[in-house]
Amino acid sequence: MHTQTQLAEYRMAERHAQAQAYRLAKAAKPERELRTRIGWTLVEVGLRLATPAPATT
């Protein structure tokens, strides 16, 4: 096989892999939003636990 043909096939495979990685990264975006909501919920719960209870007299 010619060198130019092999190089073209290699570049095509590399671009295909990059496109696949981009699609996977784009599909993973909603996870980040869920992770952010869970994180802020944990912060809120931690603040509630850290706040002293009002004194009852």
PDB file of N, CA and C in Angstrom:
ATOM      1  N   MET A   1       0.846  -1.170   0.000  1.00  0.00           N
ATOM      2  CA  MET A   1       0.000   0.000   0.000  1.00  0.00           C
ATOM      3  C   MET A   1       0.897   1.239   0.000  1.00  0.00           C
ATOM      4  N   HIS A   2       0.428   2.289  -0.605  1.00  0.00           N
ATOM      5  CA  HIS A   2       1.208   3.512  -0.697  1.00  0.00           C
ATOM      6  C   HIS A   2       1.209   4.261   0.641  1.00  0.00           C
ATOM      7  N   THR A   3       2.260   4.977   0.850  1.00  0.00           N
ATOM      8  CA  THR A   3       2.417   5.727   2.094  1.00  0.00           C
ATOM      9  C   THR A   3       1.318   6.776   2.246  1.00  0.00           C
ATOM     10  N   GLN A   4       0.998   7.465   1.156  1.00  0.00           N
ATOM     11  CA  GLN A   4      -0.040   8.499   1.218  1.00  0.00           C
ATOM     12  C   GLN A   4      -1.399   7.903   1.574  1.00  0.00           C
ATOM     13  N   THR A   5      -1.696   6.731   1.074  1.00  0.00           N
ATOM     14  CA  THR A   5      -2.961   6.068   1.370  1.00  0.00           C
ATOM     15  C   THR A   5      -3.019   5.677   2.841  1.00  0.00           C
ATOM     16  N   GLN A   6      -1.922   5.139   3.351  1.00  0.00           N
ATOM     17  CA  GLN A   6      -1.867   4.760   4.756  1.00  0.00           C
ATOM     18  C   GLN A   6      -2.024   5.989   5.657  1.00  0.00           C
ATOM     19  N   LEU A   7      -1.361   7.064   5.289  1.00  0.00           N
ATOM     20  CA  LEU A   7      -1.455   8.296   6.063  1.00  0.00           C
ATOM     21  C   LEU A   7      -2.881   8.839   6.060  1.00  0.00           C
ATOM     22  N   ALA A   8      -3.545   8.800   4.919  1.00  0.00           N
ATOM     23  CA  ALA A   8      -4.931   9.265   4.825  1.00  0.00           C
ATOM     24  C   ALA A   8      -5.852   8.414   5.692  1.00  0.00           C
ATOM     25  N   GLU A   9      -5.658   7.109   5.697  1.00  0.00           N
ATOM     26  CA  GLU A   9      -6.470   6.220   6.530  1.00  0.00           C
ATOM     27  C   GLU A   9      -6.227   6.499   8.001  1.00  0.00           C
ATOM     28  N   TYR A  10      -4.977   6.741   8.372  1.00  0.00           N
ATOM     29  CA  TYR A  10      -4.642   7.045   9.755  1.00  0.00           C
ATOM     30  C   TYR A  10      -5.323   8.339  10.196  1.00  0.00           C
ATOM     31  N   ARG A  11      -5.260   9.368   9.355  1.00  0.00           N
ATOM     32  CA  ARG A  11      -5.880  10.652   9.696  1.00  0.00           C
ATOM     33  C   ARG A  11      -7.401  10.515   9.813  1.00  0.00           C
ATOM     34  N   MET A  12      -7.994   9.722   8.929  1.00  0.00           N
ATOM     35  CA  MET A  12      -9.440   9.516   8.974  1.00  0.00           C
ATOM     36  C   MET A  12      -9.824   8.814  10.277  1.00  0.00           C
ATOM     37  N   ALA A  13      -9.060   7.831  10.688  1.00  0.00           N
ATOM     38  CA  ALA A  13      -9.338   7.114  11.931  1.00  0.00           C
ATOM     39  C   ALA A  13      -9.175   8.042  13.135  1.00  0.00           C
ATOM     40  N   GLU A  14      -8.180   8.907  13.075  1.00  0.00           N
ATOM     41  CA  GLU A  14      -7.953   9.841  14.167  1.00  0.00           C
ATOM     42  C   GLU A  14      -9.114  10.835  14.283  1.00  0.00           C
ATOM     43  N   ARG A  15      -9.586  11.333  13.159  1.00  0.00           N
ATOM     44  CA  ARG A  15     -10.723  12.269  13.178  1.00  0.00           C
ATOM     45  C   ARG A  15     -11.997  11.581  13.659  1.00  0.00           C
ATOM     46  N   HIS A  16     -12.152  10.328  13.285  1.00  0.00           N
ATOM     47  CA  HIS A  16     -13.313   9.569  13.750  1.00  0.00           C
ATOM     48  C   HIS A  16     -13.257   9.415  15.279  1.00  0.00           C
ATOM     49  N   ALA A  17     -12.082   9.130  15.815  1.00  0.00           N
ATOM     50  CA  ALA A  17     -11.923   8.991  17.262  1.00  0.00           C
ATOM     51  C   ALA A  17     -12.188  10.317  17.971  1.00  0.00           C
ATOM     52  N   GLN A  18     -11.746  11.419  17.391  1.00  0.00           N
ATOM     53  CA  GLN A  18     -12.000  12.734  17.983  1.00  0.00           C
ATOM     54  C   GLN A  18     -13.496  13.043  17.983  1.00  0.00           C
ATOM     55  N   ALA A  19     -14.175  12.716  16.909  1.00  0.00           N
ATOM     56  CA  ALA A  19     -15.615  12.961  16.828  1.00  0.00           C
ATOM     57  C   ALA A  19     -16.355  12.112  17.865  1.00  0.00           C
ATOM     58  N   GLN A  20     -15.942  10.885  18.032  1.00  0.00           N
ATOM     59  CA  GLN A  20     -16.562  10.007  19.024  1.00  0.00           C
ATOM     60  C   GLN A  20     -16.332  10.554  20.432  1.00  0.00           C
ATOM     61  N   ALA A  21     -15.132  11.029  20.716  1.00  0.00           N
ATOM     62  CA  ALA A  21     -14.841  11.607  22.025  1.00  0.00           C
ATOM     63  C   ALA A  21     -15.689  12.852  22.267  1.00  0.00           C
ATOM     64  N   TYR A  22     -15.878  13.663  21.237  1.00  0.00           N
ATOM     65  CA  TYR A  22     -16.714  14.861  21.371  1.00  0.00           C
ATOM     66  C   TYR A  22     -18.157  14.479  21.660  1.00  0.00           C
ATOM     67  N   ARG A  23     -18.671  13.482  20.947  1.00  0.00           N
ATOM     68  CA  ARG A  23     -20.050  13.048  21.191  1.00  0.00           C
ATOM     69  C   ARG A  23     -20.222  12.525  22.616  1.00  0.00           C
ATOM     70  N   LEU A  24     -19.254  11.774  23.094  1.00  0.00           N
ATOM     71  CA  LEU A  24     -19.336  11.248  24.457  1.00  0.00           C
ATOM     72  C   LEU A  24     -19.271  12.375  25.485  1.00  0.00           C
ATOM     73  N   ALA A  25     -18.411  13.357  25.243  1.00  0.00           N
ATOM     74  CA  ALA A  25     -18.299  14.486  26.172  1.00  0.00           C
ATOM     75  C   ALA A  25     -19.585  15.305  26.183  1.00  0.00           C
ATOM     76  N   LYS A  26     -20.183  15.480  25.029  1.00  0.00           N
ATOM     77  CA  LYS A  26     -21.427  16.253  24.937  1.00  0.00           C
ATOM     78  C   LYS A  26     -22.561  15.512  25.646  1.00  0.00           C
ATOM     79  N   ALA A  27     -22.587  14.200  25.538  1.00  0.00           N
ATOM     80  CA  ALA A  27     -23.629  13.407  26.190  1.00  0.00           C
ATOM     81  C   ALA A  27     -23.454  13.400  27.705  1.00  0.00           C
ATOM     82  N   ALA A  28     -22.248  13.604  28.197  1.00  0.00           N
ATOM     83  CA  ALA A  28     -21.980  13.571  29.633  1.00  0.00           C
ATOM     84  C   ALA A  28     -22.319  14.887  30.319  1.00  0.00           C
ATOM     85  N   LYS A  29     -22.674  15.907  29.592  1.00  0.00           N
ATOM     86  CA  LYS A  29     -22.939  17.215  30.183  1.00  0.00           C
ATOM     87  C   LYS A  29     -24.051  17.189  31.227  1.00  0.00           C
ATOM     88  N   PRO A  30     -25.180  16.524  31.016  1.00  0.00           N
ATOM     89  CA  PRO A  30     -26.216  16.512  32.052  1.00  0.00           C
ATOM     90  C   PRO A  30     -25.737  15.953  33.389  1.00  0.00           C
ATOM     91  N   GLU A  31     -24.759  15.050  33.379  1.00  0.00           N
ATOM     92  CA  GLU A  31     -24.208  14.528  34.623  1.00  0.00           C
ATOM     93  C   GLU A  31     -23.614  15.645  35.451  1.00  0.00           C
ATOM     94  N   ARG A  32     -22.960  16.583  34.813  1.00  0.00           N
ATOM     95  CA  ARG A  32     -22.337  17.684  35.527  1.00  0.00           C
ATOM     96  C   ARG A  32     -23.403  18.523  36.226  1.00  0.00           C
ATOM     97  N   GLU A  33     -24.536  18.743  35.558  1.00  0.00           N
ATOM     98  CA  GLU A  33     -25.612  19.508  36.171  1.00  0.00           C
ATOM     99  C   GLU A  33     -26.163  18.779  37.395  1.00  0.00           C
ATOM    100  N   LEU A  34     -26.329  17.473  37.292  1.00  0.00           N
ATOM    101  CA  LEU A  34     -26.803  16.682  38.418  1.00  0.00           C
ATOM    102  C   LEU A  34     -25.779  16.727  39.542  1.00  0.00           C
ATOM    103  N   ARG A  35     -24.513  16.604  39.198  1.00  0.00           N
ATOM    104  CA  ARG A  35     -23.451  16.648  40.191  1.00  0.00           C
ATOM    105  C   ARG A  35     -23.449  17.998  40.922  1.00  0.00           C
ATOM    106  N   THR A  36     -23.707  19.069  40.199  1.00  0.00           N
ATOM    107  CA  THR A  36     -23.744  20.400  40.805  1.00  0.00           C
ATOM    108  C   THR A  36     -24.913  20.507  41.770  1.00  0.00           C
ATOM    109  N   ARG A  37     -26.087  20.024  41.360  1.00  0.00           N
ATOM    110  CA  ARG A  37     -27.250  20.089  42.253  1.00  0.00           C
ATOM    111  C   ARG A  37     -27.025  19.278  43.519  1.00  0.00           C
ATOM    112  N   ILE A  38     -26.455  18.088  43.377  1.00  0.00           N
ATOM    113  CA  ILE A  38     -26.187  17.246  44.547  1.00  0.00           C
ATOM    114  C   ILE A  38     -25.174  17.934  45.463  1.00  0.00           C
ATOM    115  N   GLY A  39     -24.161  18.535  44.871  1.00  0.00           N
ATOM    116  CA  GLY A  39     -23.153  19.235  45.667  1.00  0.00           C
ATOM    117  C   GLY A  39     -23.751  20.371  46.480  1.00  0.00           C
ATOM    118  N   TRP A  40     -24.590  21.202  45.857  1.00  0.00           N
ATOM    119  CA  TRP A  40     -25.197  22.318  46.581  1.00  0.00           C
ATOM    120  C   TRP A  40     -26.176  21.823  47.637  1.00  0.00           C
ATOM    121  N   THR A  41     -26.846  20.708  47.380  1.00  0.00           N
ATOM    122  CA  THR A  41     -27.737  20.132  48.384  1.00  0.00           C
ATOM    123  C   THR A  41     -26.942  19.682  49.603  1.00  0.00           C
ATOM    124  N   LEU A  42     -25.787  19.068  49.356  1.00  0.00           N
ATOM    125  CA  LEU A  42     -24.933  18.656  50.470  1.00  0.00           C
ATOM    126  C   LEU A  42     -24.420  19.860  51.251  1.00  0.00           C
ATOM    127  N   VAL A  43     -24.098  20.932  50.567  1.00  0.00           N
ATOM    128  CA  VAL A  43     -23.657  22.152  51.250  1.00  0.00           C
ATOM    129  C   VAL A  43     -24.783  22.683  52.134  1.00  0.00           C
ATOM    130  N   GLU A  44     -25.998  22.713  51.606  1.00  0.00           N
ATOM    131  CA  GLU A  44     -27.141  23.206  52.372  1.00  0.00           C
ATOM    132  C   GLU A  44     -27.383  22.346  53.610  1.00  0.00           C
ATOM    133  N   VAL A  45     -27.318  21.029  53.450  1.00  0.00           N
ATOM    134  CA  VAL A  45     -27.515  20.128  54.589  1.00  0.00           C
ATOM    135  C   VAL A  45     -26.409  20.342  55.619  1.00  0.00           C
ATOM    136  N   GLY A  46     -25.182  20.499  55.158  1.00  0.00           N
ATOM    137  CA  GLY A  46     -24.075  20.746  56.076  1.00  0.00           C
ATOM    138  C   GLY A  46     -24.243  22.038  56.841  1.00  0.00           C
ATOM    139  N   LEU A  47     -24.720  23.082  56.173  1.00  0.00           N
ATOM    140  CA  LEU A  47     -24.947  24.351  56.860  1.00  0.00           C
ATOM    141  C   LEU A  47     -26.055  24.226  57.894  1.00  0.00           C
ATOM    142  N   ARG A  48     -27.082  23.469  57.581  1.00  0.00           N
ATOM    143  CA  ARG A  48     -28.163  23.266  58.555  1.00  0.00           C
ATOM    144  C   ARG A  48     -27.661  22.513  59.782  1.00  0.00           C
ATOM    145  N   LEU A  49     -26.791  21.525  59.546  1.00  0.00           N
ATOM    146  CA  LEU A  49     -26.252  20.758  60.673  1.00  0.00           C
ATOM    147  C   LEU A  49     -25.274  21.581  61.493  1.00  0.00           C
ATOM    148  N   ALA A  50     -24.557  22.473  60.865  1.00  0.00           N
ATOM    149  CA  ALA A  50     -23.546  23.276  61.551  1.00  0.00           C
ATOM    150  C   ALA A  50     -24.157  24.449  62.320  1.00  0.00           C
ATOM    151  N   THR A  51     -25.355  24.860  61.963  1.00  0.00           N
ATOM    152  CA  THR A  51     -26.002  25.985  62.633  1.00  0.00           C
ATOM    153  C   THR A  51     -26.525  25.507  63.993  1.00  0.00           C
ATOM    154  N   PRO A  52     -26.175  26.230  65.052  1.00  0.00           N
ATOM    155  CA  PRO A  52     -26.646  25.794  66.379  1.00  0.00           C
ATOM    156  C   PRO A  52     -28.162  25.938  66.495  1.00  0.00           C
ATOM    157  N   ALA A  53     -28.745  25.018  67.189  1.00  0.00           N
ATOM    158  CA  ALA A  53     -30.197  25.052  67.383  1.00  0.00           C
ATOM    159  C   ALA A  53     -30.540  26.177  68.342  1.00  0.00           C
ATOM    160  N   PRO A  54     -31.670  26.817  68.154  1.00  0.00           N
ATOM    161  CA  PRO A  54     -32.053  27.902  69.084  1.00  0.00           C
ATOM    162  C   PRO A  54     -32.255  27.359  70.495  1.00  0.00           C
ATOM    163  N   ALA A  55     -31.818  28.134  71.442  1.00  0.00           N
ATOM    164  CA  ALA A  55     -31.927  27.709  72.856  1.00  0.00           C
ATOM    165  C   ALA A  55     -33.380  27.805  73.297  1.00  0.00           C
ATOM    166  N   THR A  56     -33.850  26.759  73.907  1.00  0.00           N
ATOM    167  CA  THR A  56     -35.219  26.763  74.426  1.00  0.00           C
ATOM    168  C   THR A  56     -35.144  26.916  75.943  1.00  0.00           C
ATOM    169  N   THR A  57     -35.693  27.974  76.431  1.00  0.00           N
ATOM    170  CA  THR A  57     -35.671  28.218  77.888  1.00  0.00           C
ATOM    171  C   THR A  57     -37.040  28.350  78.457  1.00  0.00           C
TER     172      THR A  57
END
